[in-house]
Amino acid sequence: MTCTEFLARMTDYFDGTIAKELEAEVRQHMCECSHCEVVVNTTRQTIEIYRDTDVYELSTDTRERLIANIMSKCRGKGCA
C-alpha cells in the first residue's frame, strides 16, 4: 500500500467502515511508515479535541461577519 492509497482509506478507517482486509493493510502500512503513523495519531488527537469541545453559539451578526470575511478572503485567493 502506498501513502496515497493509505490516505484515501483513512476516513473509512476512522469511521470503522473499512473492509477487514483493507484494515489489515492500513495497519501494516502504519507499522512500516512513520509519516503515515504521525498523520493518523495527529488526526486521532484532533478528533478527540473536537469531541471534547463545547459548541459555541455565535450571534447572528458575528456569524454573518465571519462568513463574509471568510468568503472575501477565499475570493481573493480564487477559491470561490
Protein backbone atom coordinates (compact mmCIF):
# COMPACT_ATOMS: atom_id res chain seq x y z
CA MET A 1 0.00 0.00 0.00
CA THR A 2 1.32 3.45 -0.90
CA CYS A 3 0.93 6.54 1.26
CA THR A 4 -1.60 7.93 -1.24
CA GLU A 5 -3.70 4.75 -1.01
CA PHE A 6 -3.38 4.87 2.76
CA LEU A 7 -4.62 8.47 2.95
CA ALA A 8 -7.53 7.64 0.63
CA ARG A 9 -8.71 4.99 3.10
CA MET A 10 -8.09 6.94 6.30
CA THR A 11 -11.65 8.29 6.62
CA ASP A 12 -13.11 4.79 6.35
CA TYR A 13 -10.54 3.62 8.89
CA PHE A 14 -11.60 6.26 11.41
CA ASP A 15 -15.29 5.71 10.69
CA GLY A 16 -14.92 1.98 11.22
CA THR A 17 -16.38 1.26 7.78
CA ILE A 18 -13.22 -0.10 6.20
CA ALA A 19 -13.24 -3.68 4.93
CA LYS A 20 -11.35 -6.05 7.25
CA GLU A 21 -8.73 -6.98 4.65
CA LEU A 22 -8.07 -3.30 3.90
CA GLU A 23 -7.90 -2.54 7.61
CA ALA A 24 -5.10 -5.08 7.93
CA GLU A 25 -3.25 -3.38 5.04
CA VAL A 26 -3.75 0.06 6.63
CA ARG A 27 -2.42 -1.16 9.99
CA GLN A 28 0.55 -2.81 8.29
CA HIS A 29 1.32 0.38 6.40
CA MET A 30 1.23 2.39 9.64
CA CYS A 31 3.73 -0.02 11.17
CA GLU A 32 6.08 0.46 8.23
CA CYS A 33 5.62 4.20 7.54
CA SER A 34 6.36 6.62 10.34
CA HIS A 35 4.97 9.55 8.31
CA CYS A 36 1.52 7.98 7.97
CA GLU A 37 1.62 6.91 11.62
CA VAL A 38 2.12 10.57 12.56
CA VAL A 39 -0.80 11.59 10.31
CA VAL A 40 -3.08 9.03 11.98
CA ASN A 41 -2.01 10.00 15.50
CA THR A 42 -2.42 13.70 14.79
CA THR A 43 -5.81 13.15 13.19
CA ARG A 44 -6.94 10.99 16.11
CA GLN A 45 -5.85 13.67 18.61
CA THR A 46 -7.63 16.37 16.61
CA ILE A 47 -10.85 14.34 16.57
CA GLU A 48 -10.61 13.79 20.33
CA ILE A 49 -10.06 17.50 20.97
CA TYR A 50 -13.09 18.47 18.89
CA ARG A 51 -15.28 15.82 20.51
CA ASP A 52 -14.43 17.19 23.95
CA THR A 53 -15.01 20.83 22.98
CA ASP A 54 -18.23 22.66 23.72
CA VAL A 55 -20.14 24.17 20.81
CA TYR A 56 -20.21 27.94 20.94
CA GLU A 57 -23.22 29.76 19.59
CA LEU A 58 -22.42 32.91 17.66
CA SER A 59 -24.75 35.86 17.41
CA THR A 60 -26.33 36.36 14.01
CA ASP A 61 -24.24 39.49 13.45
CA THR A 62 -20.97 37.74 14.36
CA ARG A 63 -21.81 34.73 12.21
CA GLU A 64 -22.64 36.89 9.19
CA ARG A 65 -19.43 38.95 9.57
CA LEU A 66 -17.35 35.79 9.93
CA ILE A 67 -18.85 34.23 6.81
CA ALA A 68 -18.43 37.47 4.84
CA ASN A 69 -14.77 37.71 5.86
CA ILE A 70 -14.06 34.08 5.00
CA MET A 71 -15.75 34.43 1.62
CA SER A 72 -13.85 37.66 0.92
CA LYS A 73 -10.50 36.01 1.69
CA CYS A 74 -11.45 32.96 -0.33
CA ARG A 75 -12.45 35.02 -3.37
CA GLY A 76 -9.13 36.85 -3.12
CA LYS A 77 -7.32 33.53 -3.46
CA GLY A 78 -9.51 32.33 -6.32
CA CYS A 79 -11.25 29.53 -4.42
CA ALA A 80 -14.81 30.81 -4.85
